[in-house]
Amino acid sequence: MSSALTPNAAPSTPSRRSMLLTAGAAVAAVGLAKTACAAVLGDLGSAPPSADVFASLVGSYFIVSDGDARLQLQLVDVVLHDRGQRPEALPDPFSLIFSSPWNEKLATQVYEVENQGIGRLAMFITPVAQNIYEAPFN
């Protein structure tokens, strides 16, 4: 009776070289992914524009993309929120209110948003009414 597995055989372990090659490939892949995301979404390490910057853009259009489709939303309002007990080092919270003339409904998620006045950035957008969307900044 022959068996492909021998109960007393030592398990094969990868060589140090193959482990280093695999680890190096993983690090390179993560680095490339971060570079690609930064190129698409802009510098994610920088602070988002302030409410004042967005207030100057009320009435302008923003291109919203999820990678598959692109849609234009119009910025209709910037709503300031109460600071509450937030530390002074944190920015004032606010929300952007967008409207859409299109019948396509956006899902709640993070989108790539582009506007000539601010460039490209990642923005969490959620529907709040028919063809009305909110992007909160905390």
C-alpha atoms as a PDB file:
ATOM      1  CA  MET A   1       0.000   0.000   0.000  1.00  0.00           C
ATOM      2  CA  SER A   2       1.590   3.187  -1.185  1.00  0.00           C
ATOM      3  CA  SER A   3       0.706   6.659  -0.016  1.00  0.00           C
ATOM      4  CA  ALA A   4       1.699   9.981  -1.544  1.00  0.00           C
ATOM      5  CA  LEU A   5       2.116  11.416   1.945  1.00  0.00           C
ATOM      6  CA  THR A   6       4.620   9.915   4.289  1.00  0.00           C
ATOM      7  CA  PRO A   7       3.636  10.612   7.918  1.00  0.00           C
ATOM      8  CA  ASN A   8       7.216  10.943   9.146  1.00  0.00           C
ATOM      9  CA  ALA A   9       8.499  13.144   6.292  1.00  0.00           C
ATOM     10  CA  ALA A  10       9.562  16.658   7.265  1.00  0.00           C
ATOM     11  CA  PRO A  11       7.500  19.397   5.623  1.00  0.00           C
ATOM     12  CA  SER A  12       9.370  21.281   2.946  1.00  0.00           C
ATOM     13  CA  THR A  13      10.260  24.827   3.951  1.00  0.00           C
ATOM     14  CA  PRO A  14      10.888  27.621   1.486  1.00  0.00           C
ATOM     15  CA  SER A  15      14.455  28.747   1.087  1.00  0.00           C
ATOM     16  CA  ARG A  16      15.605  32.083   2.466  1.00  0.00           C
ATOM     17  CA  ARG A  17      16.085  33.290  -1.100  1.00  0.00           C
ATOM     18  CA  SER A  18      12.513  32.490  -2.168  1.00  0.00           C
ATOM     19  CA  MET A  19      11.142  34.165   0.979  1.00  0.00           C
ATOM     20  CA  LEU A  20      13.179  37.339   0.291  1.00  0.00           C
ATOM     21  CA  LEU A  21      12.082  37.400  -3.358  1.00  0.00           C
ATOM     22  CA  THR A  22       8.423  37.002  -2.372  1.00  0.00           C
ATOM     23  CA  ALA A  23       8.680  39.714   0.293  1.00  0.00           C
ATOM     24  CA  GLY A  24      10.435  42.059  -2.142  1.00  0.00           C
ATOM     25  CA  ALA A  25       7.730  41.541  -4.764  1.00  0.00           C
ATOM     26  CA  ALA A  26       5.013  42.252  -2.189  1.00  0.00           C
ATOM     27  CA  VAL A  27       6.693  45.483  -1.056  1.00  0.00           C
ATOM     28  CA  ALA A  28       7.129  46.607  -4.676  1.00  0.00           C
ATOM     29  CA  ALA A  29       3.450  45.867  -5.434  1.00  0.00           C
ATOM     30  CA  VAL A  30       2.278  47.909  -2.431  1.00  0.00           C
ATOM     31  CA  GLY A  31       4.553  50.790  -3.419  1.00  0.00           C
ATOM     32  CA  LEU A  32       3.230  50.779  -6.976  1.00  0.00           C
ATOM     33  CA  ALA A  33      -0.369  50.645  -5.765  1.00  0.00           C
ATOM     34  CA  LYS A  34       0.181  53.638  -3.455  1.00  0.00           C
ATOM     35  CA  THR A  35       1.821  55.593  -6.279  1.00  0.00           C
ATOM     36  CA  ALA A  36      -1.026  54.789  -8.662  1.00  0.00           C
ATOM     37  CA  CYS A  37      -3.669  55.819  -6.101  1.00  0.00           C
ATOM     38  CA  ALA A  38      -1.859  59.076  -5.384  1.00  0.00           C
ATOM     39  CA  ALA A  39      -1.667  59.826  -9.101  1.00  0.00           C
ATOM     40  CA  VAL A  40      -5.402  59.234  -9.501  1.00  0.00           C
ATOM     41  CA  LEU A  41      -6.650  60.891  -6.319  1.00  0.00           C
ATOM     42  CA  GLY A  42      -4.035  63.541  -5.684  1.00  0.00           C
ATOM     43  CA  ASP A  43      -2.008  63.978  -2.520  1.00  0.00           C
ATOM     44  CA  LEU A  44      -4.120  62.186   0.081  1.00  0.00           C
ATOM     45  CA  GLY A  45      -1.770  63.262   2.850  1.00  0.00           C
ATOM     46  CA  SER A  46      -2.679  66.906   2.464  1.00  0.00           C
ATOM     47  CA  ALA A  47      -5.648  68.496   4.179  1.00  0.00           C
ATOM     48  CA  PRO A  48      -8.819  68.843   2.084  1.00  0.00           C
ATOM     49  CA  PRO A  49      -9.813  72.338   0.996  1.00  0.00           C
ATOM     50  CA  SER A  50     -11.624  74.430   3.604  1.00  0.00           C
ATOM     51  CA  ALA A  51     -15.288  75.407   3.591  1.00  0.00           C
ATOM     52  CA  ASP A  52     -14.241  78.882   2.395  1.00  0.00           C
ATOM     53  CA  VAL A  53     -12.559  77.412  -0.680  1.00  0.00           C
ATOM     54  CA  PHE A  54     -15.657  75.363  -1.513  1.00  0.00           C
ATOM     55  CA  ALA A  55     -17.953  78.362  -0.847  1.00  0.00           C
ATOM     56  CA  SER A  56     -16.205  80.198  -3.673  1.00  0.00           C
ATOM     57  CA  LEU A  57     -17.120  77.262  -5.959  1.00  0.00           C
ATOM     58  CA  VAL A  58     -20.896  77.203  -5.269  1.00  0.00           C
ATOM     59  CA  GLY A  59     -22.656  76.983  -8.628  1.00  0.00           C
ATOM     60  CA  SER A  60     -19.756  75.201 -10.342  1.00  0.00           C
ATOM     61  CA  TYR A  61     -19.764  71.634 -11.592  1.00  0.00           C
ATOM     62  CA  PHE A  62     -17.714  68.726 -10.276  1.00  0.00           C
ATOM     63  CA  ILE A  63     -16.920  65.586 -12.239  1.00  0.00           C
ATOM     64  CA  VAL A  64     -17.568  62.533 -10.064  1.00  0.00           C
ATOM     65  CA  SER A  65     -16.037  59.206 -11.070  1.00  0.00           C
ATOM     66  CA  ASP A  66     -16.101  55.727  -9.598  1.00  0.00           C
ATOM     67  CA  GLY A  67     -13.634  54.332 -12.111  1.00  0.00           C
ATOM     68  CA  ASP A  68     -16.360  53.023 -14.432  1.00  0.00           C
ATOM     69  CA  ALA A  69     -18.656  55.998 -14.974  1.00  0.00           C
ATOM     70  CA  ARG A  70     -18.385  59.782 -14.825  1.00  0.00           C
ATOM     71  CA  LEU A  71     -21.165  62.123 -13.782  1.00  0.00           C
ATOM     72  CA  GLN A  72     -21.415  65.869 -13.204  1.00  0.00           C
ATOM     73  CA  LEU A  73     -22.795  67.256  -9.962  1.00  0.00           C
ATOM     74  CA  GLN A  74     -23.385  70.927  -9.252  1.00  0.00           C
ATOM     75  CA  LEU A  75     -22.287  72.337  -5.895  1.00  0.00           C
ATOM     76  CA  VAL A  76     -25.362  74.168  -4.546  1.00  0.00           C
ATOM     77  CA  ASP A  77     -24.437  74.864  -0.910  1.00  0.00           C
ATOM     78  CA  VAL A  78     -21.751  74.641   1.763  1.00  0.00           C
ATOM     79  CA  VAL A  79     -23.237  73.959   5.202  1.00  0.00           C
ATOM     80  CA  LEU A  80     -21.154  74.742   8.302  1.00  0.00           C
ATOM     81  CA  HIS A  81     -21.678  72.483  11.333  1.00  0.00           C
ATOM     82  CA  ASP A  82     -21.277  73.204  15.041  1.00  0.00           C
ATOM     83  CA  ARG A  83     -17.763  72.492  16.319  1.00  0.00           C
ATOM     84  CA  GLY A  84     -19.037  70.931  19.512  1.00  0.00           C
ATOM     85  CA  GLN A  85     -16.163  69.819  21.734  1.00  0.00           C
ATOM     86  CA  ARG A  86     -13.710  69.362  18.859  1.00  0.00           C
ATOM     87  CA  PRO A  87     -10.110  70.317  19.661  1.00  0.00           C
ATOM     88  CA  GLU A  88      -8.944  73.584  18.119  1.00  0.00           C
ATOM     89  CA  ALA A  89      -6.349  71.735  16.045  1.00  0.00           C
ATOM     90  CA  LEU A  90      -9.122  70.073  14.024  1.00  0.00           C
ATOM     91  CA  PRO A  91     -10.776  71.959  11.158  1.00  0.00           C
ATOM     92  CA  ASP A  92     -14.364  73.192  11.307  1.00  0.00           C
ATOM     93  CA  PRO A  93     -16.792  70.494  10.147  1.00  0.00           C
ATOM     94  CA  PHE A  94     -18.902  71.223   7.067  1.00  0.00           C
ATOM     95  CA  SER A  95     -20.846  69.495   4.312  1.00  0.00           C
ATOM     96  CA  LEU A  96     -21.101  70.092   0.612  1.00  0.00           C
ATOM     97  CA  ILE A  97     -24.535  69.790  -0.972  1.00  0.00           C
ATOM     98  CA  PHE A  98     -24.663  68.776  -4.624  1.00  0.00           C
ATOM     99  CA  SER A  99     -27.537  68.449  -7.061  1.00  0.00           C
ATOM    100  CA  SER A 100     -27.754  66.344 -10.181  1.00  0.00           C
ATOM    101  CA  PRO A 101     -30.028  66.836 -13.174  1.00  0.00           C
ATOM    102  CA  TRP A 102     -29.445  63.196 -14.117  1.00  0.00           C
ATOM    103  CA  ASN A 103     -31.715  60.320 -13.146  1.00  0.00           C
ATOM    104  CA  GLU A 104     -28.776  58.057 -12.336  1.00  0.00           C
ATOM    105  CA  LYS A 105     -28.489  57.484  -8.601  1.00  0.00           C
ATOM    106  CA  LEU A 106     -25.043  57.462  -6.997  1.00  0.00           C
ATOM    107  CA  ALA A 107     -24.362  54.879  -4.307  1.00  0.00           C
ATOM    108  CA  THR A 108     -22.880  55.879  -0.956  1.00  0.00           C
ATOM    109  CA  GLN A 109     -19.129  55.533  -1.366  1.00  0.00           C
ATOM    110  CA  VAL A 110     -15.837  57.357  -1.874  1.00  0.00           C
ATOM    111  CA  TYR A 111     -15.527  58.897  -5.330  1.00  0.00           C
ATOM    112  CA  GLU A 112     -12.784  60.611  -7.278  1.00  0.00           C
ATOM    113  CA  VAL A 113     -14.000  64.209  -7.640  1.00  0.00           C
ATOM    114  CA  GLU A 114     -12.496  66.798  -9.955  1.00  0.00           C
ATOM    115  CA  ASN A 115     -13.092  70.522 -10.306  1.00  0.00           C
ATOM    116  CA  GLN A 116     -11.044  73.124 -12.132  1.00  0.00           C
ATOM    117  CA  GLY A 117     -10.784  75.234  -8.963  1.00  0.00           C
ATOM    118  CA  ILE A 118      -9.456  72.527  -6.615  1.00  0.00           C
ATOM    119  CA  GLY A 119      -8.115  69.775  -8.837  1.00  0.00           C
ATOM    120  CA  ARG A 120      -8.722  66.121  -7.956  1.00  0.00           C
ATOM    121  CA  LEU A 121      -9.491  64.616  -4.566  1.00  0.00           C
ATOM    122  CA  ALA A 122     -11.259  61.693  -2.952  1.00  0.00           C
ATOM    123  CA  MET A 123     -14.655  62.533  -1.492  1.00  0.00           C
ATOM    124  CA  PHE A 124     -17.224  60.485   0.436  1.00  0.00           C
ATOM    125  CA  ILE A 125     -20.623  61.187  -1.153  1.00  0.00           C
ATOM    126  CA  THR A 126     -24.024  59.950  -0.003  1.00  0.00           C
ATOM    127  CA  PRO A 127     -27.547  60.557  -1.359  1.00  0.00           C
ATOM    128  CA  VAL A 128     -29.828  62.549   0.981  1.00  0.00           C
ATOM    129  CA  ALA A 129     -32.860  63.126  -1.292  1.00  0.00           C
ATOM    130  CA  GLN A 130     -33.805  62.552  -4.907  1.00  0.00           C
ATOM    131  CA  ASN A 131     -30.923  63.938  -7.009  1.00  0.00           C
ATOM    132  CA  ILE A 132     -29.401  65.622  -3.896  1.00  0.00           C
ATOM    133  CA  TYR A 133     -26.085  64.448  -2.453  1.00  0.00           C
ATOM    134  CA  GLU A 134     -23.989  65.338   0.597  1.00  0.00           C
ATOM    135  CA  ALA A 135     -20.231  65.161   1.081  1.00  0.00           C
ATOM    136  CA  PRO A 136     -19.388  65.604   4.795  1.00  0.00           C
ATOM    137  CA  PHE A 137     -16.010  66.922   5.933  1.00  0.00           C
ATOM    138  CA  ASN A 138     -15.253  66.307   9.595  1.00  0.00           C
END
